[in-house]
Structures are given as structure tokens and as C-alpha cells.
C-alpha atoms as a PDB file:
ATOM      1  CA  MET A   1     -54.985 247.914 -98.433  1.00  0.00           C
ATOM      2  CA  SER A   2     -57.604 245.965 -96.527  1.00  0.00           C
ATOM      3  CA  ASN A   3     -56.550 243.137 -94.229  1.00  0.00           C
ATOM      4  CA  ASN A   4     -58.305 240.554 -96.437  1.00  0.00           C
ATOM      5  CA  LEU A   5     -56.447 241.778 -99.510  1.00  0.00           C
ATOM      6  CA  CYS A   6     -53.133 241.681 -97.625  1.00  0.00           C
ATOM      7  CA  GLU A   7     -53.863 238.153 -96.382  1.00  0.00           C
ATOM      8  CA  ASN A   8     -54.837 236.964 -99.868  1.00  0.00           C
ATOM      9  CA  LEU A   9     -51.678 238.479-101.363  1.00  0.00           C
ATOM     10  CA  GLU A  10     -49.554 236.762 -98.720  1.00  0.00           C
ATOM     11  CA  LEU A  11     -51.282 233.423 -99.356  1.00  0.00           C
ATOM     12  CA  LEU A  12     -50.773 233.803-103.105  1.00  0.00           C
ATOM     13  CA  TYR A  13     -47.101 234.680-102.551  1.00  0.00           C
ATOM     14  CA  ASN A  14     -46.673 231.588-100.351  1.00  0.00           C
ATOM     15  CA  CYS A  15     -48.238 229.332-103.007  1.00  0.00           C
ATOM     16  CA  ILE A  16     -46.086 230.797-105.787  1.00  0.00           C
ATOM     17  CA  PHE A  17     -42.947 230.633-103.623  1.00  0.00           C
ATOM     18  CA  PHE A  18     -43.675 226.980-102.826  1.00  0.00           C
ATOM     19  CA  THR A  19     -44.161 226.160-106.511  1.00  0.00           C
ATOM     20  CA  ILE A  20     -41.001 227.958-107.668  1.00  0.00           C
ATOM     21  CA  HIS A  21     -38.795 226.430-104.981  1.00  0.00           C
ATOM     22  CA  ASN A  22     -40.092 222.930-105.592  1.00  0.00           C
ATOM     23  CA  ARG A  23     -39.570 222.718-109.348  1.00  0.00           C
ATOM     24  CA  SER A  24     -39.975 218.950-109.379  1.00  0.00           C
ATOM     25  CA  ARG A  25     -43.477 219.514-108.033  1.00  0.00           C
ATOM     26  CA  CYS A  26     -44.459 222.403-110.320  1.00  0.00           C
ATOM     27  CA  HIS A  27     -47.418 220.544-111.788  1.00  0.00           C
ATOM     28  CA  VAL A  28     -48.594 219.439-108.342  1.00  0.00           C
ATOM     29  CA  GLY A  29     -48.014 222.966-106.999  1.00  0.00           C
ATOM     30  CA  TYR A  30     -50.109 224.501-109.764  1.00  0.00           C
ATOM     31  CA  SER A  31     -52.857 221.975-109.142  1.00  0.00           C
ATOM     32  CA  LEU A  32     -52.854 222.811-105.427  1.00  0.00           C
ATOM     33  CA  ILE A  33     -53.095 226.541-106.135  1.00  0.00           C
ATOM     34  CA  ALA A  34     -55.889 226.075-108.647  1.00  0.00           C
ATOM     35  CA  ASN A  35     -57.883 223.854-106.262  1.00  0.00           C
ATOM     36  CA  ASN A  36     -57.249 225.805-103.061  1.00  0.00           C
ATOM     37  CA  PRO A  37     -60.652 225.942-101.324  1.00  0.00           C
ATOM     38  CA  PHE A  38     -59.782 229.066 -99.346  1.00  0.00           C
ATOM     39  CA  ALA A  39     -59.815 231.043-102.592  1.00  0.00           C
ATOM     40  CA  MET A  40     -63.269 229.747-103.583  1.00  0.00           C
ATOM     41  CA  SER A  41     -66.383 231.404-102.223  1.00  0.00           C
ATOM     42  CA  ASN A  42     -68.503 228.238-102.375  1.00  0.00           C
ATOM     43  CA  ALA A  43     -66.038 225.873-100.655  1.00  0.00           C
ATOM     44  CA  LYS A  44     -67.230 224.048 -97.545  1.00  0.00           C
ATOM     45  CA  ILE A  45     -64.685 224.572 -94.788  1.00  0.00           C
ATOM     46  CA  LYS A  46     -64.639 223.107 -91.282  1.00  0.00           C
ATOM     47  CA  ASN A  47     -62.691 224.457 -88.345  1.00  0.00           C
ATOM     48  CA  VAL A  48     -61.441 223.623 -84.887  1.00  0.00           C
ATOM     49  CA  LYS A  49     -59.929 226.005 -82.337  1.00  0.00           C
ATOM     50  CA  GLY A  50     -57.443 225.543 -79.551  1.00  0.00           C
ATOM     51  CA  THR A  51     -55.388 227.647 -77.167  1.00  0.00           C
ATOM     52  CA  THR A  52     -51.640 227.417 -76.765  1.00  0.00           C
ATOM     53  CA  SER A  53     -50.060 225.616 -73.837  1.00  0.00           C
ATOM     54  CA  ASP A  54     -49.926 228.889 -71.855  1.00  0.00           C
ATOM     55  CA  GLY A  55     -53.480 229.977 -72.814  1.00  0.00           C
ATOM     56  CA  LYS A  56     -52.319 233.328 -74.257  1.00  0.00           C
ATOM     57  CA  PHE A  57     -52.960 232.572 -77.930  1.00  0.00           C
ATOM     58  CA  LEU A  58     -55.875 231.142 -79.876  1.00  0.00           C
ATOM     59  CA  ILE A  59     -55.175 229.034 -82.961  1.00  0.00           C
ATOM     60  CA  GLU A  60     -57.934 228.364 -85.473  1.00  0.00           C
ATOM     61  CA  LEU A  61     -57.314 225.452 -87.829  1.00  0.00           C
ATOM     62  CA  GLU A  62     -59.599 225.440 -90.861  1.00  0.00           C
ATOM     63  CA  TYR A  63     -59.601 222.518 -93.259  1.00  0.00           C
ATOM     64  CA  SER A  64     -61.159 221.500 -96.512  1.00  0.00           C
ATOM     65  CA  PRO A  65     -62.613 219.581 -98.153  1.00  0.00           C
ATOM     66  CA  GLU A  66     -65.310 219.309 -95.513  1.00  0.00           C
ATOM     67  CA  GLN A  67     -65.609 215.595 -96.317  1.00  0.00           C
ATOM     68  CA  ALA A  68     -61.833 214.901 -96.303  1.00  0.00           C
ATOM     69  CA  LYS A  69     -60.840 211.292 -96.973  1.00  0.00           C
ATOM     70  CA  LYS A  70     -57.751 209.124 -96.640  1.00  0.00           C
ATOM     71  CA  GLY A  71     -55.414 209.608 -99.615  1.00  0.00           C
ATOM     72  CA  GLN A  72     -56.962 212.958-100.577  1.00  0.00           C
ATOM     73  CA  VAL A  73     -55.097 216.272-100.245  1.00  0.00           C
ATOM     74  CA  THR A  74     -56.389 218.175 -97.233  1.00  0.00           C
ATOM     75  CA  PHE A  75     -55.956 221.938 -97.313  1.00  0.00           C
ATOM     76  CA  LEU A  76     -55.178 223.659 -94.012  1.00  0.00           C
ATOM     77  CA  ARG A  77     -55.433 227.321 -93.063  1.00  0.00           C
ATOM     78  CA  ILE A  78     -54.117 228.446 -89.703  1.00  0.00           C
ATOM     79  CA  ASP A  79     -55.189 231.752 -88.145  1.00  0.00           C
ATOM     80  CA  LEU A  80     -53.311 233.089 -85.116  1.00  0.00           C
ATOM     81  CA  PHE A  81     -54.935 235.329 -82.486  1.00  0.00           C
ATOM     82  CA  ASP A  82     -54.032 236.953 -79.175  1.00  0.00           C
ATOM     83  CA  ASN A  83     -56.353 235.446 -76.549  1.00  0.00           C
ATOM     84  CA  LEU A  84     -55.889 237.779 -73.582  1.00  0.00           C
ATOM     85  CA  MET A  85     -58.964 239.054 -71.702  1.00  0.00           C
ATOM     86  CA  ASN A  86     -61.348 237.488 -74.244  1.00  0.00           C
ATOM     87  CA  ASN A  87     -60.136 240.036 -76.778  1.00  0.00           C
ATOM     88  CA  GLN A  88     -59.137 237.971 -79.793  1.00  0.00           C
ATOM     89  CA  THR A  89     -56.924 240.169 -81.950  1.00  0.00           C
ATOM     90  CA  ARG A  90     -55.148 238.763 -84.999  1.00  0.00           C
ATOM     91  CA  LEU A  91     -51.419 238.395 -84.429  1.00  0.00           C
ATOM     92  CA  ARG A  92     -48.995 239.968 -86.905  1.00  0.00           C
ATOM     93  CA  HIS A  93     -45.421 239.030 -87.813  1.00  0.00           C
ATOM     94  CA  VAL A  94     -45.464 235.623 -86.132  1.00  0.00           C
ATOM     95  CA  ASP A  95     -42.486 233.274 -86.260  1.00  0.00           C
ATOM     96  CA  CYS A  96     -44.148 229.903 -86.147  1.00  0.00           C
ATOM     97  CA  ASP A  97     -44.232 226.411 -87.559  1.00  0.00           C
ATOM     98  CA  LEU A  98     -46.716 223.706 -88.469  1.00  0.00           C
ATOM     99  CA  ILE A  99     -45.604 220.131 -87.860  1.00  0.00           C
ATOM    100  CA  ILE A 100     -47.441 216.917 -88.758  1.00  0.00           C
ATOM    101  CA  GLU A 101     -46.421 213.701 -86.990  1.00  0.00           C
ATOM    102  CA  LYS A 102     -47.580 210.114 -86.843  1.00  0.00           C
ATOM    103  CA  ASP A 103     -46.303 207.722 -84.156  1.00  0.00           C
ATOM    104  CA  ASN A 104     -43.884 210.467 -82.985  1.00  0.00           C
ATOM    105  CA  ILE A 105     -42.237 210.596 -86.428  1.00  0.00           C
ATOM    106  CA  GLU A 106     -42.164 213.984 -88.137  1.00  0.00           C
ATOM    107  CA  LEU A 107     -43.717 213.719 -91.599  1.00  0.00           C
ATOM    108  CA  PHE A 108     -44.075 217.391 -92.527  1.00  0.00           C
ATOM    109  CA  LYS A 109     -42.658 220.679 -91.266  1.00  0.00           C
ATOM    110  CA  LEU A 110     -43.782 223.868 -92.978  1.00  0.00           C
ATOM    111  CA  SER A 111     -40.568 225.827 -92.343  1.00  0.00           C
ATOM    112  CA  SER A 112     -38.518 223.044 -93.952  1.00  0.00           C
ATOM    113  CA  LYS A 113     -40.433 223.568 -97.195  1.00  0.00           C
ATOM    114  CA  TYR A 114     -38.933 227.057 -97.311  1.00  0.00           C
ATOM    115  CA  GLY A 115     -35.471 226.029 -96.062  1.00  0.00           C
ATOM    116  CA  GLU A 116     -35.884 228.057 -92.870  1.00  0.00           C
ATOM    117  CA  SER A 117     -35.873 227.264 -89.158  1.00  0.00           C
ATOM    118  CA  VAL A 118     -39.277 228.960 -88.687  1.00  0.00           C
ATOM    119  CA  TYR A 119     -42.055 230.236 -90.930  1.00  0.00           C
ATOM    120  CA  HIS A 120     -42.849 233.979 -90.737  1.00  0.00           C
ATOM    121  CA  ALA A 121     -46.602 234.642 -90.985  1.00  0.00           C
ATOM    122  CA  ILE A 122     -46.802 238.351 -91.766  1.00  0.00           C
ATOM    123  CA  SER A 123     -50.571 238.677 -91.364  1.00  0.00           C
ATOM    124  CA  GLY A 124     -51.076 235.963 -88.738  1.00  0.00           C
ATOM    125  CA  THR A 125     -52.433 233.433 -91.196  1.00  0.00           C
ATOM    126  CA  PHE A 126     -50.876 230.761 -93.395  1.00  0.00           C
ATOM    127  CA  LEU A 127     -51.766 227.847 -95.639  1.00  0.00           C
ATOM    128  CA  ALA A 128     -50.474 224.309 -95.944  1.00  0.00           C
ATOM    129  CA  SER A 129     -51.707 221.105 -97.506  1.00  0.00           C
ATOM    130  CA  TYR A 130     -51.075 217.487 -96.669  1.00  0.00           C
ATOM    131  CA  GLN A 131     -52.202 214.114 -97.953  1.00  0.00           C
ATOM    132  CA  PHE A 132     -53.023 211.717 -95.102  1.00  0.00           C
ATOM    133  CA  ASN A 133     -52.294 208.367 -96.782  1.00  0.00           C
ATOM    134  CA  GLU A 134     -52.281 205.968 -93.848  1.00  0.00           C
ATOM    135  CA  THR A 135     -54.896 204.911 -91.334  1.00  0.00           C
ATOM    136  CA  GLY A 136     -54.316 206.018 -87.746  1.00  0.00           C
ATOM    137  CA  ILE A 137     -53.889 209.079 -85.566  1.00  0.00           C
ATOM    138  CA  TYR A 138     -51.783 211.999 -86.758  1.00  0.00           C
ATOM    139  CA  LYS A 139     -50.835 215.045 -84.703  1.00  0.00           C
ATOM    140  CA  ILE A 140     -50.798 218.569 -86.155  1.00  0.00           C
ATOM    141  CA  SER A 141     -48.855 221.002 -83.955  1.00  0.00           C
ATOM    142  CA  VAL A 142     -48.652 224.749 -84.393  1.00  0.00           C
ATOM    143  CA  GLU A 143     -45.715 226.284 -82.539  1.00  0.00           C
ATOM    144  CA  LEU A 144     -45.231 230.009 -81.920  1.00  0.00           C
ATOM    145  CA  GLU A 145     -41.677 231.266 -81.341  1.00  0.00           C
ATOM    146  CA  GLY A 146     -41.868 235.029 -81.905  1.00  0.00           C
ATOM    147  CA  ILE A 147     -44.364 237.844 -82.305  1.00  0.00           C
ATOM    148  CA  ASN A 148     -43.716 241.247 -83.901  1.00  0.00           C
ATOM    149  CA  PHE A 149     -40.049 240.335 -84.352  1.00  0.00           C
ATOM    150  CA  ILE A 150     -39.624 239.622 -80.624  1.00  0.00           C
ATOM    151  CA  PRO A 151     -38.710 236.054 -79.586  1.00  0.00           C
ATOM    152  CA  ILE A 152     -41.005 234.409 -77.040  1.00  0.00           C
ATOM    153  CA  THR A 153     -40.731 231.210 -75.044  1.00  0.00           C
ATOM    154  CA  PRO A 154     -42.078 228.688 -77.568  1.00  0.00           C
ATOM    155  CA  VAL A 155     -45.718 227.708 -77.034  1.00  0.00           C
ATOM    156  CA  PHE A 156     -47.823 225.283 -79.028  1.00  0.00           C
ATOM    157  CA  VAL A 157     -51.260 223.854 -79.644  1.00  0.00           C
ATOM    158  CA  SER A 158     -51.886 220.367 -81.002  1.00  0.00           C
ATOM    159  CA  PHE A 159     -54.748 218.828 -82.925  1.00  0.00           C
ATOM    160  CA  ASN A 160     -55.434 215.146 -83.556  1.00  0.00           C
ATOM    161  CA  VAL A 161     -56.353 213.865 -86.997  1.00  0.00           C
ATOM    162  CA  ALA A 162     -58.106 210.482 -87.008  1.00  0.00           C
ATOM    163  CA  VAL A 163     -57.810 208.790 -90.404  1.00  0.00           C
ATOM    164  CA  PRO A 164     -60.242 205.849 -90.590  1.00  0.00           C
ATOM    165  CA  ALA A 165     -59.407 202.521 -92.234  1.00  0.00           C
ATOM    166  CA  ASN A 166     -62.559 202.663 -94.349  1.00  0.00           C
ATOM    167  CA  SER A 167     -61.833 204.994 -97.271  1.00  0.00           C
ATOM    168  CA  SER A 168     -65.494 205.980 -97.478  1.00  0.00           C
ATOM    169  CA  GLU A 169     -65.344 207.552 -93.995  1.00  0.00           C
ATOM    170  CA  ASN A 170     -64.188 211.129 -93.396  1.00  0.00           C
ATOM    171  CA  LEU A 171     -61.115 212.013 -91.396  1.00  0.00           C
ATOM    172  CA  ARG A 172     -61.771 213.873 -88.145  1.00  0.00           C
ATOM    173  CA  ILE A 173     -59.723 216.716 -86.706  1.00  0.00           C
ATOM    174  CA  SER A 174     -60.094 217.625 -83.040  1.00  0.00           C
ATOM    175  CA  MET A 175     -58.240 219.457 -80.283  1.00  0.00           C
ATOM    176  CA  ALA A 176     -55.587 217.196 -78.734  1.00  0.00           C
ATOM    177  CA  SER A 177     -55.924 216.541 -75.021  1.00  0.00           C
END
């Protein structure tokens, strides 16, 4: 199987798993799957990249819709790469997590959605979605805890999400300093 087919199968599995294990949100889950921009060839997707705290790994955060607004579901796709010697190779079998915070309060943790302590990204890519309902600065952190079934000292990369007060303005995602 090609890597793209494997990645798409994993993403589909994750969406179905999320829907089944969140029965009270079945309708919402179906809607999210049906409207997932990463499965549409004409979707406009923006991205931002950052390296982990130790510089060894590159994290690419893609998001859609391109013109994301406050109160609208924002779809996220995270791709994980090895960043040694400018040779960016996709990581496989990564134990990781995606955490969204506002004012140092955790609002979303991907692994918690699955009832696990970490999320296992088989192909080095995973999807999430979140609705930014309040004005202000949010922090999206991606933490890596293991690669190829071998634990590592946890490393992370963080991105800032600026949600403007004016609902006609787009939210902005950038690398955190």
C-alpha cells in the first residue's frame, strides 16, 4: 500500500473510532467526517511549521478552513518529521499528544478523547478538530513521548492561536516564541 493510502486509512479509522466512542456526539462526529477538508481536493489549507524544544523534530500544523473564524470548527492535521541534518523524514509509530490551552487551562487533549495517556500516530500524522469560541490567545502544543515504540525524553512544540474579538476577522496561528 502507498503511504498516502495508509495515512488516509488511519485518518478514517481515527474519525470512525472517535464517532463510535462518543455516541452522544454521533451526529456531530458524522458531520465532522463529512466536512473534513483534508479529504477534499479543493479545500484551502494553511500551515505553520515549528521544531521541537530540542530541535530534532519538525512539526507541521495544517489547518482549515483557510479563513477560520471564532465559533467555527477548525480542522487540524499534524505531520511529524525527523529534522536531523536537514533530512526531513516522516516519523512512524509516534506516541504523542495534542493539547489546547487558554490562560494555562487545558481545554482539549487528544489522548483523553481515546481514554489513553498518549495518542499513537502510526504513520506520523493525525487529525483533530476544535471550535475556538472565545476571544484571546490559545496555545496548541504537540508533545512527542516515543518513537518506533521506544520512549524518549518528552519534547514539544507550541503554536499560538489568536482569536480576534471581531467575528468577521480570521483567527491566526503562528509558532509560539
